[in-house]
Amino acid sequence: MRLRVNPNRMVLLTLKKRLAVAIRGHKLLKDKLDGMIKEFVSAIKNFKEKTQELDEDFLRLQKLLILSYSQLGKEKYEILTKKRVDLSISYEKKNIMGVTIPEFNIKILGDPFNYPFTISNLEFDLVNQGFKNFIEKLIDYINIYKTLEELAKDIERTRRRVNALEYVLIPSLKETIKFIKMRLDELERETHGRLTRIKEIIRGEAER
């Protein structure tokens, strides 16, 4: 769609500069979009692997916990599962392709193995160690999820901007520039024609 402007040389020069900036901006945004899509695809693959890994770990820990409880009995199990640790979660910001993404970190405060081993069994020990590893993997999983979430939002925003430049602004600028050039050429021909006629009139008057 052609822009509504006055067809003069000043406007033509301004539009040419805008077109150059738009083309350069389009290339930069397109490169950024391609980079973010590559990061997104890589994160998706990692996310699927982590999902399967967490599912398998959870089922394994659940089976061990059931087995441990059945062997220990309620009284010993309650003693062993008393609270011994606190979890501290913090986060910092990281940058991927210009996208700000929160990255969570976890600290386990206390000793998860501070319980009487004399009443414990192998299954409970494995659950205790496995749960610690599971929590750490879960934080990694959340970080990947947040990366996917923020990248997806910015990919969509960037795609809209790329499309707006590629299919709206750049074609409109090109069409308007073409129109102004044609209009200026037309005006130049009209001016040249008038000057030619004036010269002929002056020449005719001079010959009389």
N, C-alpha and C. Protein backbone atom coordinates (compact mmCIF):
# COMPACT_ATOMS: atom_id res chain seq x y z
N MET A 1 0.85 -1.20 0.00
CA MET A 1 0.00 0.00 0.00
C MET A 1 0.88 1.24 0.00
N ARG A 2 0.58 2.15 -0.93
CA ARG A 2 1.39 3.35 -1.06
C ARG A 2 1.12 4.31 0.10
N LEU A 3 2.19 4.94 0.58
CA LEU A 3 2.06 5.92 1.66
C LEU A 3 1.52 7.23 1.13
N ARG A 4 0.79 7.94 1.97
CA ARG A 4 0.22 9.24 1.56
C ARG A 4 1.24 10.33 1.88
N VAL A 5 1.98 10.74 0.88
CA VAL A 5 3.02 11.76 1.05
C VAL A 5 2.99 12.72 -0.14
N ASN A 6 3.63 13.86 0.05
CA ASN A 6 3.79 14.79 -1.07
C ASN A 6 4.94 14.31 -1.95
N PRO A 7 4.71 14.16 -3.25
CA PRO A 7 5.75 13.62 -4.13
C PRO A 7 6.80 14.69 -4.49
N ASN A 8 7.77 14.90 -3.62
CA ASN A 8 8.84 15.83 -3.92
C ASN A 8 10.19 15.17 -3.60
N ARG A 9 11.26 15.82 -3.97
CA ARG A 9 12.60 15.21 -3.84
C ARG A 9 13.03 15.05 -2.37
N MET A 10 12.60 15.96 -1.52
CA MET A 10 12.94 15.84 -0.11
C MET A 10 12.31 14.60 0.51
N VAL A 11 11.04 14.40 0.18
CA VAL A 11 10.33 13.22 0.66
C VAL A 11 10.96 11.96 0.08
N LEU A 12 11.33 12.00 -1.18
CA LEU A 12 11.97 10.86 -1.84
C LEU A 12 13.26 10.48 -1.12
N LEU A 13 14.07 11.48 -0.78
CA LEU A 13 15.33 11.21 -0.07
C LEU A 13 15.07 10.60 1.31
N THR A 14 14.06 11.15 2.01
CA THR A 14 13.71 10.64 3.34
C THR A 14 13.24 9.20 3.27
N LEU A 15 12.41 8.89 2.27
CA LEU A 15 11.89 7.53 2.13
C LEU A 15 12.98 6.53 1.76
N LYS A 16 13.94 6.98 0.96
CA LYS A 16 15.06 6.09 0.60
C LYS A 16 15.87 5.74 1.85
N LYS A 17 16.06 6.73 2.73
CA LYS A 17 16.79 6.46 3.98
C LYS A 17 15.99 5.50 4.86
N ARG A 18 14.68 5.73 4.94
CA ARG A 18 13.82 4.83 5.72
C ARG A 18 13.85 3.41 5.18
N LEU A 19 13.87 3.29 3.87
CA LEU A 19 13.91 1.97 3.24
C LEU A 19 15.21 1.26 3.57
N ALA A 20 16.33 2.00 3.51
CA ALA A 20 17.62 1.39 3.83
C ALA A 20 17.66 0.90 5.28
N VAL A 21 17.12 1.73 6.19
CA VAL A 21 17.07 1.34 7.60
C VAL A 21 16.15 0.14 7.79
N ALA A 22 15.02 0.12 7.11
CA ALA A 22 14.05 -0.98 7.23
C ALA A 22 14.65 -2.29 6.71
N ILE A 23 15.36 -2.23 5.60
CA ILE A 23 15.99 -3.43 5.04
C ILE A 23 17.08 -3.95 5.98
N ARG A 24 17.88 -3.03 6.52
CA ARG A 24 18.93 -3.43 7.46
C ARG A 24 18.32 -4.01 8.75
N GLY A 25 17.27 -3.36 9.24
CA GLY A 25 16.59 -3.86 10.44
C GLY A 25 15.94 -5.21 10.21
N HIS A 26 15.38 -5.40 9.03
CA HIS A 26 14.76 -6.68 8.68
C HIS A 26 15.79 -7.80 8.70
N LYS A 27 16.97 -7.54 8.15
CA LYS A 27 18.02 -8.56 8.13
C LYS A 27 18.48 -8.92 9.54
N LEU A 28 18.67 -7.89 10.38
CA LEU A 28 19.10 -8.14 11.75
C LEU A 28 18.05 -8.94 12.53
N LEU A 29 16.79 -8.56 12.37
CA LEU A 29 15.72 -9.28 13.06
C LEU A 29 15.57 -10.70 12.54
N LYS A 30 15.75 -10.87 11.22
CA LYS A 30 15.66 -12.21 10.63
C LYS A 30 16.77 -13.10 11.16
N ASP A 31 17.98 -12.55 11.27
CA ASP A 31 19.11 -13.31 11.82
C ASP A 31 18.84 -13.68 13.28
N LYS A 32 18.30 -12.71 14.03
CA LYS A 32 17.97 -12.98 15.43
C LYS A 32 16.90 -14.06 15.53
N LEU A 33 15.89 -13.99 14.67
CA LEU A 33 14.80 -14.98 14.68
C LEU A 33 15.34 -16.37 14.38
N ASP A 34 16.21 -16.47 13.38
CA ASP A 34 16.80 -17.77 13.03
C ASP A 34 17.61 -18.32 14.20
N GLY A 35 18.37 -17.45 14.86
CA GLY A 35 19.17 -17.88 16.01
C GLY A 35 18.30 -18.36 17.16
N MET A 36 17.21 -17.63 17.44
CA MET A 36 16.31 -18.01 18.53
C MET A 36 15.61 -19.33 18.23
N ILE A 37 15.24 -19.54 16.97
CA ILE A 37 14.58 -20.80 16.60
C ILE A 37 15.53 -21.98 16.80
N LYS A 38 16.81 -21.79 16.46
CA LYS A 38 17.80 -22.85 16.70
C LYS A 38 17.92 -23.16 18.18
N GLU A 39 17.98 -22.10 19.00
CA GLU A 39 18.05 -22.27 20.45
C GLU A 39 16.80 -22.98 20.97
N PHE A 40 15.64 -22.62 20.41
CA PHE A 40 14.36 -23.19 20.83
C PHE A 40 14.30 -24.68 20.51
N VAL A 41 14.73 -25.04 19.30
CA VAL A 41 14.73 -26.45 18.89
C VAL A 41 15.65 -27.27 19.79
N SER A 42 16.83 -26.72 20.09
CA SER A 42 17.77 -27.39 20.98
C SER A 42 17.18 -27.56 22.38
N ALA A 43 16.51 -26.52 22.88
CA ALA A 43 15.90 -26.58 24.21
C ALA A 43 14.74 -27.57 24.24
N ILE A 44 13.99 -27.65 23.16
CA ILE A 44 12.87 -28.61 23.07
C ILE A 44 13.40 -30.04 23.19
N LYS A 45 14.49 -30.32 22.48
CA LYS A 45 15.09 -31.66 22.54
C LYS A 45 15.55 -31.98 23.95
N ASN A 46 16.21 -31.01 24.59
CA ASN A 46 16.68 -31.18 25.97
C ASN A 46 15.52 -31.36 26.94
N PHE A 47 14.44 -30.60 26.69
CA PHE A 47 13.25 -30.66 27.54
C PHE A 47 12.61 -32.04 27.48
N LYS A 48 12.52 -32.61 26.29
CA LYS A 48 11.93 -33.95 26.13
C LYS A 48 12.77 -35.00 26.84
N GLU A 49 14.09 -34.88 26.71
CA GLU A 49 14.99 -35.83 27.37
C GLU A 49 14.85 -35.73 28.89
N LYS A 50 14.80 -34.49 29.40
CA LYS A 50 14.68 -34.28 30.85
C LYS A 50 13.33 -34.78 31.36
N THR A 51 12.27 -34.61 30.57
CA THR A 51 10.95 -35.07 30.96
C THR A 51 10.94 -36.58 31.15
N GLN A 52 11.49 -37.27 30.18
CA GLN A 52 11.55 -38.74 30.26
C GLN A 52 12.41 -39.18 31.45
N GLU A 53 13.53 -38.50 31.64
CA GLU A 53 14.44 -38.84 32.73
C GLU A 53 13.77 -38.64 34.09
N LEU A 54 13.05 -37.52 34.25
CA LEU A 54 12.36 -37.25 35.52
C LEU A 54 11.24 -38.25 35.78
N ASP A 55 10.51 -38.61 34.72
CA ASP A 55 9.43 -39.59 34.86
C ASP A 55 9.99 -40.93 35.35
N GLU A 56 11.09 -41.35 34.75
CA GLU A 56 11.71 -42.62 35.13
C GLU A 56 12.23 -42.56 36.57
N ASP A 57 12.87 -41.44 36.93
CA ASP A 57 13.40 -41.28 38.29
C ASP A 57 12.28 -41.30 39.33
N PHE A 58 11.18 -40.62 39.00
CA PHE A 58 10.06 -40.54 39.94
C PHE A 58 9.46 -41.93 40.19
N LEU A 59 9.25 -42.69 39.13
CA LEU A 59 8.69 -44.03 39.28
C LEU A 59 9.63 -44.94 40.07
N ARG A 60 10.94 -44.80 39.83
CA ARG A 60 11.93 -45.61 40.55
C ARG A 60 11.93 -45.26 42.04
N LEU A 61 11.90 -43.96 42.34
CA LEU A 61 11.88 -43.53 43.74
C LEU A 61 10.58 -43.95 44.44
N GLN A 62 9.49 -43.89 43.71
CA GLN A 62 8.20 -44.29 44.28
C GLN A 62 8.21 -45.77 44.66
N LYS A 63 8.76 -46.59 43.80
CA LYS A 63 8.84 -48.03 44.08
C LYS A 63 9.75 -48.31 45.28
N LEU A 64 10.90 -47.61 45.33
CA LEU A 64 11.82 -47.79 46.45
C LEU A 64 11.19 -47.35 47.77
N LEU A 65 10.43 -46.25 47.71
CA LEU A 65 9.78 -45.73 48.91
C LEU A 65 8.74 -46.71 49.44
N ILE A 66 7.96 -47.26 48.55
CA ILE A 66 6.94 -48.24 48.95
C ILE A 66 7.59 -49.48 49.55
N LEU A 67 8.66 -49.93 48.92
CA LEU A 67 9.37 -51.10 49.41
C LEU A 67 10.00 -50.83 50.77
N SER A 68 10.61 -49.63 50.90
CA SER A 68 11.25 -49.25 52.16
C SER A 68 10.22 -49.19 53.28
N TYR A 69 9.07 -48.58 53.02
CA TYR A 69 8.01 -48.45 54.04
C TYR A 69 7.49 -49.81 54.47
N SER A 70 7.33 -50.70 53.50
CA SER A 70 6.82 -52.04 53.82
C SER A 70 7.78 -52.82 54.71
N GLN A 71 9.08 -52.55 54.58
CA GLN A 71 10.07 -53.26 55.38
C GLN A 71 10.29 -52.60 56.75
N LEU A 72 10.25 -51.27 56.79
CA LEU A 72 10.54 -50.55 58.03
C LEU A 72 9.37 -50.52 58.99
N GLY A 73 8.19 -50.37 58.46
CA GLY A 73 7.02 -50.20 59.30
C GLY A 73 6.79 -48.72 59.61
N LYS A 74 5.59 -48.41 60.10
CA LYS A 74 5.18 -47.02 60.29
C LYS A 74 6.05 -46.29 61.29
N GLU A 75 6.37 -46.90 62.42
CA GLU A 75 7.09 -46.21 63.49
C GLU A 75 8.49 -45.78 63.06
N LYS A 76 9.27 -46.72 62.50
CA LYS A 76 10.63 -46.39 62.04
C LYS A 76 10.58 -45.39 60.87
N TYR A 77 9.58 -45.56 60.00
CA TYR A 77 9.46 -44.68 58.83
C TYR A 77 9.22 -43.23 59.27
N GLU A 78 8.37 -43.04 60.29
CA GLU A 78 8.09 -41.70 60.78
C GLU A 78 9.33 -41.06 61.41
N ILE A 79 10.13 -41.86 62.10
CA ILE A 79 11.37 -41.33 62.67
C ILE A 79 12.33 -40.89 61.57
N LEU A 80 12.46 -41.72 60.54
CA LEU A 80 13.41 -41.45 59.46
C LEU A 80 12.98 -40.27 58.58
N THR A 81 11.68 -40.01 58.50
CA THR A 81 11.20 -38.96 57.58
C THR A 81 10.94 -37.62 58.28
N LYS A 82 11.43 -37.47 59.51
CA LYS A 82 11.33 -36.16 60.15
C LYS A 82 12.13 -35.13 59.36
N LYS A 83 11.68 -33.88 59.40
CA LYS A 83 12.33 -32.82 58.63
C LYS A 83 13.75 -32.58 59.12
N ARG A 84 14.70 -32.63 58.16
CA ARG A 84 16.11 -32.41 58.50
C ARG A 84 16.77 -31.34 57.62
N VAL A 85 16.10 -30.92 56.59
CA VAL A 85 16.69 -29.94 55.68
C VAL A 85 15.67 -28.88 55.30
N ASP A 86 16.18 -27.75 54.83
CA ASP A 86 15.37 -26.69 54.21
C ASP A 86 15.90 -26.44 52.81
N LEU A 87 15.00 -26.04 51.94
CA LEU A 87 15.39 -25.74 50.57
C LEU A 87 15.37 -24.23 50.35
N SER A 88 16.44 -23.69 49.80
CA SER A 88 16.51 -22.26 49.49
C SER A 88 16.64 -22.11 47.97
N ILE A 89 15.66 -21.42 47.39
CA ILE A 89 15.65 -21.23 45.92
C ILE A 89 15.90 -19.77 45.60
N SER A 90 16.87 -19.52 44.75
CA SER A 90 17.17 -18.17 44.29
C SER A 90 17.21 -18.18 42.76
N TYR A 91 17.25 -16.99 42.18
CA TYR A 91 17.37 -16.96 40.72
C TYR A 91 18.17 -15.74 40.29
N GLU A 92 18.78 -15.89 39.13
CA GLU A 92 19.48 -14.79 38.50
C GLU A 92 19.03 -14.72 37.04
N LYS A 93 19.40 -13.64 36.37
CA LYS A 93 18.97 -13.47 34.98
C LYS A 93 20.11 -13.79 34.02
N LYS A 94 19.77 -14.49 32.94
CA LYS A 94 20.74 -14.74 31.89
C LYS A 94 20.17 -14.25 30.57
N ASN A 95 21.04 -14.10 29.59
CA ASN A 95 20.64 -13.53 28.30
C ASN A 95 20.91 -14.53 27.18
N ILE A 96 19.86 -14.86 26.41
CA ILE A 96 19.99 -15.73 25.25
C ILE A 96 19.43 -14.99 24.04
N MET A 97 20.31 -14.65 23.08
CA MET A 97 19.88 -13.95 21.86
C MET A 97 19.09 -12.69 22.19
N GLY A 98 19.51 -11.97 23.24
CA GLY A 98 18.82 -10.74 23.60
C GLY A 98 17.56 -10.95 24.43
N VAL A 99 17.27 -12.20 24.80
CA VAL A 99 16.08 -12.50 25.60
C VAL A 99 16.51 -12.74 27.05
N THR A 100 15.90 -12.03 27.97
CA THR A 100 16.21 -12.19 29.38
C THR A 100 15.42 -13.35 29.96
N ILE A 101 16.14 -14.30 30.56
CA ILE A 101 15.52 -15.51 31.07
C ILE A 101 15.96 -15.73 32.52
N PRO A 102 15.01 -15.98 33.43
CA PRO A 102 15.40 -16.27 34.82
C PRO A 102 16.00 -17.67 34.94
N GLU A 103 17.05 -17.79 35.71
CA GLU A 103 17.67 -19.10 35.95
C GLU A 103 17.65 -19.37 37.46
N PHE A 104 16.96 -20.44 37.85
CA PHE A 104 16.78 -20.75 39.26
C PHE A 104 17.93 -21.63 39.77
N ASN A 105 18.26 -21.41 41.03
CA ASN A 105 19.28 -22.21 41.70
C ASN A 105 18.72 -22.67 43.04
N ILE A 106 19.16 -23.83 43.48
CA ILE A 106 18.66 -24.38 44.74
C ILE A 106 19.81 -24.72 45.67
N LYS A 107 19.59 -24.47 46.95
CA LYS A 107 20.56 -24.86 47.98
C LYS A 107 19.84 -25.70 49.01
N ILE A 108 20.46 -26.80 49.38
CA ILE A 108 19.90 -27.67 50.41
C ILE A 108 20.60 -27.35 51.71
N LEU A 109 19.84 -26.80 52.65
CA LEU A 109 20.40 -26.39 53.94
C LEU A 109 20.14 -27.48 54.97
N GLY A 110 21.21 -28.02 55.50
CA GLY A 110 21.08 -29.12 56.45
C GLY A 110 21.64 -30.40 55.84
N ASP A 111 21.58 -31.47 56.62
CA ASP A 111 22.11 -32.75 56.18
C ASP A 111 20.97 -33.76 56.01
N PRO A 112 20.65 -34.12 54.78
CA PRO A 112 19.54 -35.06 54.56
C PRO A 112 19.84 -36.47 55.09
N PHE A 113 21.10 -36.73 55.39
CA PHE A 113 21.48 -38.06 55.87
C PHE A 113 21.70 -38.09 57.39
N ASN A 114 21.21 -37.05 58.05
CA ASN A 114 21.35 -36.99 59.51
C ASN A 114 20.20 -37.77 60.17
N TYR A 115 20.24 -39.07 60.03
CA TYR A 115 19.24 -39.94 60.65
C TYR A 115 19.93 -41.23 61.10
N PRO A 116 19.34 -41.95 62.02
CA PRO A 116 19.97 -43.17 62.54
C PRO A 116 20.00 -44.29 61.50
N PHE A 117 21.17 -44.60 61.03
CA PHE A 117 21.30 -45.63 60.00
C PHE A 117 20.97 -47.03 60.55
N THR A 118 21.01 -47.15 61.87
CA THR A 118 20.76 -48.47 62.47
C THR A 118 19.32 -48.94 62.25
N ILE A 119 18.40 -47.98 62.08
CA ILE A 119 17.01 -48.39 61.85
C ILE A 119 16.61 -48.20 60.39
N SER A 120 17.55 -47.71 59.58
CA SER A 120 17.26 -47.49 58.16
C SER A 120 17.48 -48.78 57.38
N ASN A 121 17.20 -48.73 56.09
CA ASN A 121 17.53 -49.84 55.20
C ASN A 121 18.06 -49.30 53.88
N LEU A 122 18.55 -50.16 53.04
CA LEU A 122 19.18 -49.74 51.79
C LEU A 122 18.21 -48.96 50.91
N GLU A 123 16.96 -49.38 50.85
CA GLU A 123 15.97 -48.73 50.00
C GLU A 123 15.73 -47.28 50.43
N PHE A 124 15.65 -47.07 51.76
CA PHE A 124 15.43 -45.72 52.24
C PHE A 124 16.63 -44.83 51.94
N ASP A 125 17.83 -45.37 52.10
CA ASP A 125 19.05 -44.60 51.79
C ASP A 125 19.07 -44.21 50.32
N LEU A 126 18.67 -45.15 49.46
CA LEU A 126 18.63 -44.87 48.02
C LEU A 126 17.58 -43.82 47.69
N VAL A 127 16.44 -43.88 48.38
CA VAL A 127 15.39 -42.87 48.18
C VAL A 127 15.89 -41.50 48.60
N ASN A 128 16.57 -41.45 49.74
CA ASN A 128 17.06 -40.19 50.27
C ASN A 128 18.05 -39.54 49.30
N GLN A 129 19.01 -40.32 48.82
CA GLN A 129 19.98 -39.80 47.86
C GLN A 129 19.31 -39.48 46.53
N GLY A 130 18.41 -40.35 46.10
CA GLY A 130 17.72 -40.15 44.82
C GLY A 130 16.84 -38.92 44.83
N PHE A 131 16.20 -38.64 45.99
CA PHE A 131 15.34 -37.46 46.07
C PHE A 131 16.15 -36.19 45.97
N LYS A 132 17.33 -36.17 46.58
CA LYS A 132 18.22 -35.00 46.49
C LYS A 132 18.60 -34.75 45.02
N ASN A 133 18.96 -35.80 44.32
CA ASN A 133 19.30 -35.68 42.90
C ASN A 133 18.08 -35.26 42.07
N PHE A 134 16.92 -35.79 42.46
CA PHE A 134 15.67 -35.49 41.74
C PHE A 134 15.34 -34.00 41.84
N ILE A 135 15.49 -33.42 43.03
CA ILE A 135 15.22 -31.99 43.22
C ILE A 135 16.13 -31.15 42.34
N GLU A 136 17.40 -31.52 42.30
CA GLU A 136 18.36 -30.77 41.48
C GLU A 136 18.01 -30.87 39.99
N LYS A 137 17.61 -32.06 39.57
CA LYS A 137 17.19 -32.24 38.17
C LYS A 137 15.91 -31.47 37.88
N LEU A 138 15.03 -31.42 38.87
CA LEU A 138 13.76 -30.69 38.70
C LEU A 138 14.01 -29.20 38.48
N ILE A 139 14.98 -28.64 39.19
CA ILE A 139 15.34 -27.23 39.00
C ILE A 139 15.88 -27.01 37.59
N ASP A 140 16.73 -27.92 37.12
CA ASP A 140 17.23 -27.83 35.74
C ASP A 140 16.07 -27.88 34.74
N TYR A 141 15.12 -28.76 35.03
CA TYR A 141 13.93 -28.92 34.18
C TYR A 141 13.13 -27.61 34.13
N ILE A 142 12.96 -26.97 35.28
CA ILE A 142 12.23 -25.70 35.34
C ILE A 142 12.97 -24.63 34.55
N ASN A 143 14.29 -24.61 34.64
CA ASN A 143 15.08 -23.63 33.90
C ASN A 143 14.91 -23.81 32.39
N ILE A 144 14.89 -25.06 31.95
CA ILE A 144 14.68 -25.33 30.52
C ILE A 144 13.29 -24.88 30.11
N TYR A 145 12.31 -25.16 30.97
CA TYR A 145 10.93 -24.76 30.68
C TYR A 145 10.80 -23.24 30.54
N LYS A 146 11.43 -22.50 31.47
CA LYS A 146 11.38 -21.04 31.41
C LYS A 146 12.09 -20.52 30.17
N THR A 147 13.18 -21.19 29.79
CA THR A 147 13.89 -20.80 28.57
C THR A 147 12.97 -20.95 27.37
N LEU A 148 12.27 -22.09 27.29
CA LEU A 148 11.33 -22.33 26.19
C LEU A 148 10.21 -21.29 26.20
N GLU A 149 9.69 -21.00 27.38
CA GLU A 149 8.57 -20.06 27.51
C GLU A 149 8.96 -18.66 27.03
N GLU A 150 10.09 -18.16 27.50
CA GLU A 150 10.52 -16.81 27.13
C GLU A 150 10.95 -16.74 25.66
N LEU A 151 11.63 -17.79 25.18
CA LEU A 151 12.03 -17.81 23.76
C LEU A 151 10.81 -17.83 22.86
N ALA A 152 9.81 -18.62 23.24
CA ALA A 152 8.58 -18.71 22.43
C ALA A 152 7.90 -17.35 22.32
N LYS A 153 7.84 -16.62 23.46
CA LYS A 153 7.22 -15.28 23.44
C LYS A 153 7.99 -14.33 22.52
N ASP A 154 9.33 -14.35 22.65
CA ASP A 154 10.12 -13.41 21.85
C ASP A 154 10.18 -13.83 20.39
N ILE A 155 10.14 -15.12 20.12
CA ILE A 155 10.09 -15.59 18.73
C ILE A 155 8.83 -15.06 18.06
N GLU A 156 7.70 -15.13 18.77
CA GLU A 156 6.44 -14.65 18.21
C GLU A 156 6.48 -13.14 17.99
N ARG A 157 7.03 -12.40 18.97
CA ARG A 157 7.14 -10.94 18.81
C ARG A 157 8.05 -10.60 17.63
N THR A 158 9.18 -11.25 17.56
CA THR A 158 10.14 -10.97 16.49
C THR A 158 9.59 -11.35 15.13
N ARG A 159 8.86 -12.48 15.07
CA ARG A 159 8.26 -12.91 13.81
C ARG A 159 7.25 -11.88 13.30
N ARG A 160 6.46 -11.32 14.22
CA ARG A 160 5.49 -10.29 13.82
C ARG A 160 6.21 -9.06 13.27
N ARG A 161 7.31 -8.67 13.92
CA ARG A 161 8.06 -7.50 13.45
C ARG A 161 8.70 -7.77 12.10
N VAL A 162 9.26 -8.97 11.92
CA VAL A 162 9.86 -9.35 10.63
C VAL A 162 8.81 -9.33 9.54
N ASN A 163 7.64 -9.91 9.82
CA ASN A 163 6.57 -9.94 8.82
C ASN A 163 6.05 -8.54 8.50
N ALA A 164 5.95 -7.69 9.53
CA ALA A 164 5.49 -6.31 9.31
C ALA A 164 6.45 -5.56 8.39
N LEU A 165 7.75 -5.76 8.61
CA LEU A 165 8.74 -5.12 7.75
C LEU A 165 8.72 -5.71 6.34
N GLU A 166 8.69 -7.05 6.28
CA GLU A 166 8.81 -7.73 4.99
C GLU A 166 7.58 -7.58 4.10
N TYR A 167 6.40 -7.62 4.71
CA TYR A 167 5.17 -7.65 3.91
C TYR A 167 4.37 -6.35 3.94
N VAL A 168 4.74 -5.40 4.83
CA VAL A 168 3.97 -4.15 4.92
C VAL A 168 4.85 -2.94 4.65
N LEU A 169 5.80 -2.68 5.57
CA LEU A 169 6.56 -1.43 5.49
C LEU A 169 7.46 -1.37 4.26
N ILE A 170 8.29 -2.38 4.05
CA ILE A 170 9.24 -2.35 2.93
C ILE A 170 8.53 -2.27 1.58
N PRO A 171 7.50 -3.11 1.33
CA PRO A 171 6.76 -2.97 0.06
C PRO A 171 6.10 -1.60 -0.09
N SER A 172 5.55 -1.05 1.01
CA SER A 172 4.92 0.27 0.94
C SER A 172 5.94 1.35 0.59
N LEU A 173 7.12 1.28 1.21
CA LEU A 173 8.17 2.26 0.92
C LEU A 173 8.62 2.14 -0.53
N LYS A 174 8.82 0.92 -1.01
CA LYS A 174 9.24 0.72 -2.40
C LYS A 174 8.20 1.24 -3.38
N GLU A 175 6.94 0.94 -3.09
CA GLU A 175 5.87 1.40 -3.97
C GLU A 175 5.77 2.93 -3.97
N THR A 176 5.91 3.53 -2.80
CA THR A 176 5.83 4.99 -2.69
C THR A 176 7.01 5.65 -3.40
N ILE A 177 8.21 5.10 -3.21
CA ILE A 177 9.40 5.63 -3.88
C ILE A 177 9.24 5.54 -5.40
N LYS A 178 8.73 4.41 -5.88
CA LYS A 178 8.50 4.24 -7.31
C LYS A 178 7.49 5.27 -7.83
N PHE A 179 6.42 5.48 -7.04
CA PHE A 179 5.40 6.46 -7.43
C PHE A 179 5.99 7.87 -7.51
N ILE A 180 6.79 8.24 -6.48
CA ILE A 180 7.37 9.59 -6.45
C ILE A 180 8.32 9.78 -7.63
N LYS A 181 9.13 8.76 -7.92
CA LYS A 181 10.06 8.86 -9.05
C LYS A 181 9.29 9.06 -10.35
N MET A 182 8.21 8.28 -10.53
CA MET A 182 7.40 8.43 -11.74
C MET A 182 6.77 9.82 -11.80
N ARG A 183 6.28 10.30 -10.65
CA ARG A 183 5.65 11.61 -10.61
C ARG A 183 6.66 12.73 -10.90
N LEU A 184 7.88 12.59 -10.34
CA LEU A 184 8.92 13.59 -10.59
C LEU A 184 9.37 13.57 -12.04
N ASP A 185 9.48 12.38 -12.61
CA ASP A 185 9.83 12.27 -14.03
C ASP A 185 8.76 12.91 -14.90
N GLU A 186 7.49 12.69 -14.51
CA GLU A 186 6.38 13.27 -15.25
C GLU A 186 6.41 14.80 -15.16
N LEU A 187 6.66 15.30 -13.95
CA LEU A 187 6.75 16.76 -13.76
C LEU A 187 7.93 17.33 -14.54
N GLU A 188 9.04 16.57 -14.56
CA GLU A 188 10.22 17.03 -15.29
C GLU A 188 9.94 17.11 -16.79
N ARG A 189 9.22 16.11 -17.30
CA ARG A 189 8.86 16.14 -18.73
C ARG A 189 7.92 17.30 -19.03
N GLU A 190 6.95 17.52 -18.12
CA GLU A 190 6.03 18.64 -18.32
C GLU A 190 6.78 19.97 -18.30
N THR A 191 7.69 20.12 -17.36
CA THR A 191 8.49 21.35 -17.25
C THR A 191 9.36 21.53 -18.50
N HIS A 192 9.97 20.43 -18.93
CA HIS A 192 10.80 20.50 -20.13
C HIS A 192 9.97 20.89 -21.35
N GLY A 193 8.74 20.36 -21.43
CA GLY A 193 7.86 20.70 -22.54
C GLY A 193 7.46 22.17 -22.52
N ARG A 194 7.14 22.68 -21.31
CA ARG A 194 6.77 24.09 -21.21
C ARG A 194 7.95 24.99 -21.58
N LEU A 195 9.14 24.65 -21.11
CA LEU A 195 10.32 25.44 -21.44
C LEU A 195 10.59 25.44 -22.94
N THR A 196 10.39 24.27 -23.56
CA THR A 196 10.60 24.17 -25.01
C THR A 196 9.62 25.07 -25.75
N ARG A 197 8.35 25.06 -25.31
CA ARG A 197 7.33 25.90 -25.96
C ARG A 197 7.64 27.38 -25.76
N ILE A 198 8.10 27.72 -24.54
CA ILE A 198 8.44 29.12 -24.26
C ILE A 198 9.60 29.58 -25.15
N LYS A 199 10.59 28.70 -25.29
CA LYS A 199 11.74 29.04 -26.15
C LYS A 199 11.28 29.24 -27.59
N GLU A 200 10.37 28.41 -28.05
CA GLU A 200 9.89 28.54 -29.43
C GLU A 200 9.13 29.85 -29.61
N ILE A 201 8.33 30.21 -28.58
CA ILE A 201 7.57 31.48 -28.66
C ILE A 201 8.53 32.65 -28.70
N ILE A 202 9.55 32.61 -27.81
CA ILE A 202 10.52 33.69 -27.77
C ILE A 202 11.26 33.79 -29.08
N ARG A 203 11.64 32.61 -29.64
CA ARG A 203 12.36 32.59 -30.90
C ARG A 203 11.50 33.17 -32.02
N GLY A 204 10.19 32.82 -32.01
CA GLY A 204 9.28 33.33 -33.03
C GLY A 204 9.11 34.83 -32.93
N GLU A 205 9.03 35.34 -31.71
CA GLU A 205 8.90 36.79 -31.52
C GLU A 205 10.15 37.51 -31.97
N ALA A 206 11.29 36.88 -31.75
CA ALA A 206 12.57 37.51 -32.12
C ALA A 206 12.74 37.58 -33.64
N GLU A 207 12.17 36.62 -34.38
CA GLU A 207 12.33 36.57 -35.83
C GLU A 207 11.38 37.55 -36.54
N ARG A 208 10.41 38.09 -35.84
CA ARG A 208 9.48 39.04 -36.48
C ARG A 208 10.13 40.42 -36.65
